[in-house]
Amino acid sequence: MELMQRNFENAITIPMGKQGRSLNQATSAGIILYEAIRQNYAEFCALD
């Protein structure tokens, strides 16, 4: 928790419904990577 408090301005949150329990680390990483590629798709494709 101390790491989050020191770097709060760089924290990422994943919205979840009220019925959601929790996400494991691998699932969270997959969501974040998908969103990063989705938001930067043009630049991502230009790398080919």
PDB file of N, CA and C in Angstrom:
ATOM      1  N   MET A   1       0.813  -1.187   0.000  1.00  0.00           N
ATOM      2  CA  MET A   1       0.000   0.000   0.000  1.00  0.00           C
ATOM      3  C   MET A   1       0.862   1.259   0.000  1.00  0.00           C
ATOM      4  N   GLU A   2       2.022   1.212   0.604  1.00  0.00           N
ATOM      5  CA  GLU A   2       2.909   2.369   0.642  1.00  0.00           C
ATOM      6  C   GLU A   2       3.321   2.794  -0.763  1.00  0.00           C
ATOM      7  N   LEU A   3       3.558   1.832  -1.639  1.00  0.00           N
ATOM      8  CA  LEU A   3       3.921   2.137  -3.020  1.00  0.00           C
ATOM      9  C   LEU A   3       2.813   2.925  -3.708  1.00  0.00           C
ATOM     10  N   MET A   4       1.560   2.542  -3.498  1.00  0.00           N
ATOM     11  CA  MET A   4       0.422   3.268  -4.070  1.00  0.00           C
ATOM     12  C   MET A   4       0.352   4.688  -3.529  1.00  0.00           C
ATOM     13  N   GLN A   5       0.593   4.861  -2.266  1.00  0.00           N
ATOM     14  CA  GLN A   5       0.518   6.188  -1.664  1.00  0.00           C
ATOM     15  C   GLN A   5       1.611   7.101  -2.193  1.00  0.00           C
ATOM     16  N   ARG A   6       2.797   6.570  -2.421  1.00  0.00           N
ATOM     17  CA  ARG A   6       3.902   7.390  -2.932  1.00  0.00           C
ATOM     18  C   ARG A   6       3.725   7.743  -4.398  1.00  0.00           C
ATOM     19  N   ASN A   7       3.035   6.904  -5.168  1.00  0.00           N
ATOM     20  CA  ASN A   7       2.889   7.106  -6.609  1.00  0.00           C
ATOM     21  C   ASN A   7       1.427   7.221  -7.022  1.00  0.00           C
ATOM     22  N   PHE A   8       0.620   7.860  -6.207  1.00  0.00           N
ATOM     23  CA  PHE A   8      -0.812   7.915  -6.467  1.00  0.00           C
ATOM     24  C   PHE A   8      -1.141   8.566  -7.802  1.00  0.00           C
ATOM     25  N   GLU A   9      -0.387   9.589  -8.221  1.00  0.00           N
ATOM     26  CA  GLU A   9      -0.677  10.277  -9.481  1.00  0.00           C
ATOM     27  C   GLU A   9      -0.464   9.376 -10.699  1.00  0.00           C
ATOM     28  N   ASN A  10       0.247   8.277 -10.561  1.00  0.00           N
ATOM     29  CA  ASN A  10       0.481   7.336 -11.657  1.00  0.00           C
ATOM     30  C   ASN A  10      -0.370   6.076 -11.545  1.00  0.00           C
ATOM     31  N   ALA A  11      -1.258   6.030 -10.566  1.00  0.00           N
ATOM     32  CA  ALA A  11      -2.072   4.838 -10.345  1.00  0.00           C
ATOM     33  C   ALA A  11      -3.119   4.673 -11.442  1.00  0.00           C
ATOM     34  N   ILE A  12      -3.430   3.441 -11.757  1.00  0.00           N
ATOM     35  CA  ILE A  12      -4.449   3.091 -12.744  1.00  0.00           C
ATOM     36  C   ILE A  12      -5.544   2.328 -12.019  1.00  0.00           C
ATOM     37  N   THR A  13      -6.788   2.658 -12.314  1.00  0.00           N
ATOM     38  CA  THR A  13      -7.892   1.916 -11.723  1.00  0.00           C
ATOM     39  C   THR A  13      -8.680   1.217 -12.826  1.00  0.00           C
ATOM     40  N   ILE A  14      -9.221   0.077 -12.504  1.00  0.00           N
ATOM     41  CA  ILE A  14     -10.060  -0.683 -13.427  1.00  0.00           C
ATOM     42  C   ILE A  14     -11.463  -0.680 -12.837  1.00  0.00           C
ATOM     43  N   PRO A  15     -12.413  -0.006 -13.515  1.00  0.00           N
ATOM     44  CA  PRO A  15     -13.770   0.040 -12.972  1.00  0.00           C
ATOM     45  C   PRO A  15     -14.403  -1.350 -12.935  1.00  0.00           C
ATOM     46  N   MET A  16     -15.093  -1.638 -11.840  1.00  0.00           N
ATOM     47  CA  MET A  16     -15.770  -2.923 -11.678  1.00  0.00           C
ATOM     48  C   MET A  16     -17.164  -2.676 -11.131  1.00  0.00           C
ATOM     49  N   GLY A  17     -18.087  -3.544 -11.478  1.00  0.00           N
ATOM     50  CA  GLY A  17     -19.440  -3.448 -10.950  1.00  0.00           C
ATOM     51  C   GLY A  17     -19.475  -3.788  -9.477  1.00  0.00           C
ATOM     52  N   LYS A  18     -20.599  -3.502  -8.850  1.00  0.00           N
ATOM     53  CA  LYS A  18     -20.736  -3.769  -7.412  1.00  0.00           C
ATOM     54  C   LYS A  18     -20.659  -5.257  -7.091  1.00  0.00           C
ATOM     55  N   GLN A  19     -21.038  -6.100  -8.030  1.00  0.00           N
ATOM     56  CA  GLN A  19     -21.020  -7.542  -7.795  1.00  0.00           C
ATOM     57  C   GLN A  19     -19.645  -8.162  -8.047  1.00  0.00           C
ATOM     58  N   GLY A  20     -18.723  -7.398  -8.655  1.00  0.00           N
ATOM     59  CA  GLY A  20     -17.383  -7.919  -8.923  1.00  0.00           C
ATOM     60  C   GLY A  20     -16.613  -8.138  -7.633  1.00  0.00           C
ATOM     61  N   ARG A  21     -15.856  -9.193  -7.584  1.00  0.00           N
ATOM     62  CA  ARG A  21     -15.094  -9.495  -6.370  1.00  0.00           C
ATOM     63  C   ARG A  21     -13.704  -8.903  -6.461  1.00  0.00           C
ATOM     64  N   SER A  22     -12.881  -9.433  -7.352  1.00  0.00           N
ATOM     65  CA  SER A  22     -11.529  -8.917  -7.524  1.00  0.00           C
ATOM     66  C   SER A  22     -10.947  -9.506  -8.807  1.00  0.00           C
ATOM     67  N   LEU A  23      -9.876  -8.917  -9.280  1.00  0.00           N
ATOM     68  CA  LEU A  23      -9.181  -9.416 -10.465  1.00  0.00           C
ATOM     69  C   LEU A  23      -7.788  -9.864 -10.043  1.00  0.00           C
ATOM     70  N   ASN A  24      -7.313 -10.964 -10.630  1.00  0.00           N
ATOM     71  CA  ASN A  24      -5.948 -11.355 -10.305  1.00  0.00           C
ATOM     72  C   ASN A  24      -4.968 -10.533 -11.141  1.00  0.00           C
ATOM     73  N   GLN A  25      -3.713 -10.634 -10.841  1.00  0.00           N
ATOM     74  CA  GLN A  25      -2.690  -9.801 -11.474  1.00  0.00           C
ATOM     75  C   GLN A  25      -2.605 -10.035 -12.981  1.00  0.00           C
ATOM     76  N   ALA A  26      -2.688 -11.266 -13.429  1.00  0.00           N
ATOM     77  CA  ALA A  26      -2.597 -11.561 -14.854  1.00  0.00           C
ATOM     78  C   ALA A  26      -3.775 -10.969 -15.619  1.00  0.00           C
ATOM     79  N   THR A  27      -4.965 -11.075 -15.069  1.00  0.00           N
ATOM     80  CA  THR A  27      -6.144 -10.510 -15.715  1.00  0.00           C
ATOM     81  C   THR A  27      -6.040  -8.989 -15.771  1.00  0.00           C
ATOM     82  N   SER A  28      -5.601  -8.382 -14.690  1.00  0.00           N
ATOM     83  CA  SER A  28      -5.434  -6.931 -14.660  1.00  0.00           C
ATOM     84  C   SER A  28      -4.411  -6.472 -15.692  1.00  0.00           C
ATOM     85  N   ALA A  29      -3.305  -7.180 -15.806  1.00  0.00           N
ATOM     86  CA  ALA A  29      -2.280  -6.824 -16.790  1.00  0.00           C
ATOM     87  C   ALA A  29      -2.822  -6.946 -18.208  1.00  0.00           C
ATOM     88  N   GLY A  30      -3.602  -7.978 -18.479  1.00  0.00           N
ATOM     89  CA  GLY A  30      -4.196  -8.148 -19.805  1.00  0.00           C
ATOM     90  C   GLY A  30      -5.137  -7.008 -20.160  1.00  0.00           C
ATOM     91  N   ILE A  31      -5.945  -6.574 -19.200  1.00  0.00           N
ATOM     92  CA  ILE A  31      -6.868  -5.458 -19.436  1.00  0.00           C
ATOM     93  C   ILE A  31      -6.088  -4.188 -19.733  1.00  0.00           C
ATOM     94  N   ILE A  32      -5.050  -3.926 -18.966  1.00  0.00           N
ATOM     95  CA  ILE A  32      -4.254  -2.712 -19.152  1.00  0.00           C
ATOM     96  C   ILE A  32      -3.527  -2.735 -20.490  1.00  0.00           C
ATOM     97  N   LEU A  33      -2.949  -3.871 -20.873  1.00  0.00           N
ATOM     98  CA  LEU A  33      -2.271  -3.968 -22.166  1.00  0.00           C
ATOM     99  C   LEU A  33      -3.241  -3.812 -23.328  1.00  0.00           C
ATOM    100  N   TYR A  34      -4.410  -4.412 -23.234  1.00  0.00           N
ATOM    101  CA  TYR A  34      -5.418  -4.270 -24.276  1.00  0.00           C
ATOM    102  C   TYR A  34      -5.802  -2.803 -24.448  1.00  0.00           C
ATOM    103  N   GLU A  35      -6.043  -2.116 -23.356  1.00  0.00           N
ATOM    104  CA  GLU A  35      -6.457  -0.722 -23.419  1.00  0.00           C
ATOM    105  C   GLU A  35      -5.339   0.162 -23.964  1.00  0.00           C
ATOM    106  N   ALA A  36      -4.094  -0.115 -23.596  1.00  0.00           N
ATOM    107  CA  ALA A  36      -2.967   0.660 -24.116  1.00  0.00           C
ATOM    108  C   ALA A  36      -2.848   0.491 -25.633  1.00  0.00           C
ATOM    109  N   ILE A  37      -3.005  -0.729 -26.122  1.00  0.00           N
ATOM    110  CA  ILE A  37      -2.942  -0.962 -27.569  1.00  0.00           C
ATOM    111  C   ILE A  37      -4.142  -0.332 -28.259  1.00  0.00           C
ATOM    112  N   ARG A  38      -5.324  -0.440 -27.672  1.00  0.00           N
ATOM    113  CA  ARG A  38      -6.522   0.139 -28.273  1.00  0.00           C
ATOM    114  C   ARG A  38      -6.379   1.655 -28.424  1.00  0.00           C
ATOM    115  N   GLN A  39      -5.846   2.307 -27.414  1.00  0.00           N
ATOM    116  CA  GLN A  39      -5.719   3.755 -27.456  1.00  0.00           C
ATOM    117  C   GLN A  39      -4.600   4.220 -28.377  1.00  0.00           C
ATOM    118  N   ASN A  40      -3.640   3.351 -28.662  1.00  0.00           N
ATOM    119  CA  ASN A  40      -2.486   3.732 -29.477  1.00  0.00           C
ATOM    120  C   ASN A  40      -2.362   2.852 -30.708  1.00  0.00           C
ATOM    121  N   TYR A  41      -3.493   2.397 -31.255  1.00  0.00           N
ATOM    122  CA  TYR A  41      -3.480   1.412 -32.334  1.00  0.00           C
ATOM    123  C   TYR A  41      -2.731   1.908 -33.567  1.00  0.00           C
ATOM    124  N   ALA A  42      -2.921   3.153 -33.970  1.00  0.00           N
ATOM    125  CA  ALA A  42      -2.264   3.677 -35.174  1.00  0.00           C
ATOM    126  C   ALA A  42      -0.746   3.627 -35.013  1.00  0.00           C
ATOM    127  N   GLU A  43      -0.244   4.074 -33.871  1.00  0.00           N
ATOM    128  CA  GLU A  43       1.194   4.044 -33.632  1.00  0.00           C
ATOM    129  C   GLU A  43       1.701   2.600 -33.528  1.00  0.00           C
ATOM    130  N   PHE A  44       0.886   1.733 -32.920  1.00  0.00           N
ATOM    131  CA  PHE A  44       1.255   0.339 -32.766  1.00  0.00           C
ATOM    132  C   PHE A  44       1.422  -0.342 -34.125  1.00  0.00           C
ATOM    133  N   CYS A  45       0.496  -0.083 -35.058  1.00  0.00           N
ATOM    134  CA  CYS A  45       0.570  -0.679 -36.387  1.00  0.00           C
ATOM    135  C   CYS A  45       1.716  -0.110 -37.213  1.00  0.00           C
ATOM    136  N   ALA A  46       2.086   1.132 -36.967  1.00  0.00           N
ATOM    137  CA  ALA A  46       3.170   1.772 -37.713  1.00  0.00           C
ATOM    138  C   ALA A  46       4.524   1.125 -37.398  1.00  0.00           C
ATOM    139  N   LEU A  47       4.612   0.380 -36.309  1.00  0.00           N
ATOM    140  CA  LEU A  47       5.866  -0.268 -35.934  1.00  0.00           C
ATOM    141  C   LEU A  47       6.196  -1.457 -36.831  1.00  0.00           C
ATOM    142  N   ASP A  48       5.210  -1.969 -37.546  1.00  0.00           N
ATOM    143  CA  ASP A  48       5.433  -3.141 -38.416  1.00  0.00           C
ATOM    144  C   ASP A  48       6.290  -2.814 -39.593  1.00  0.00           C
TER     145      ASP A  48
END
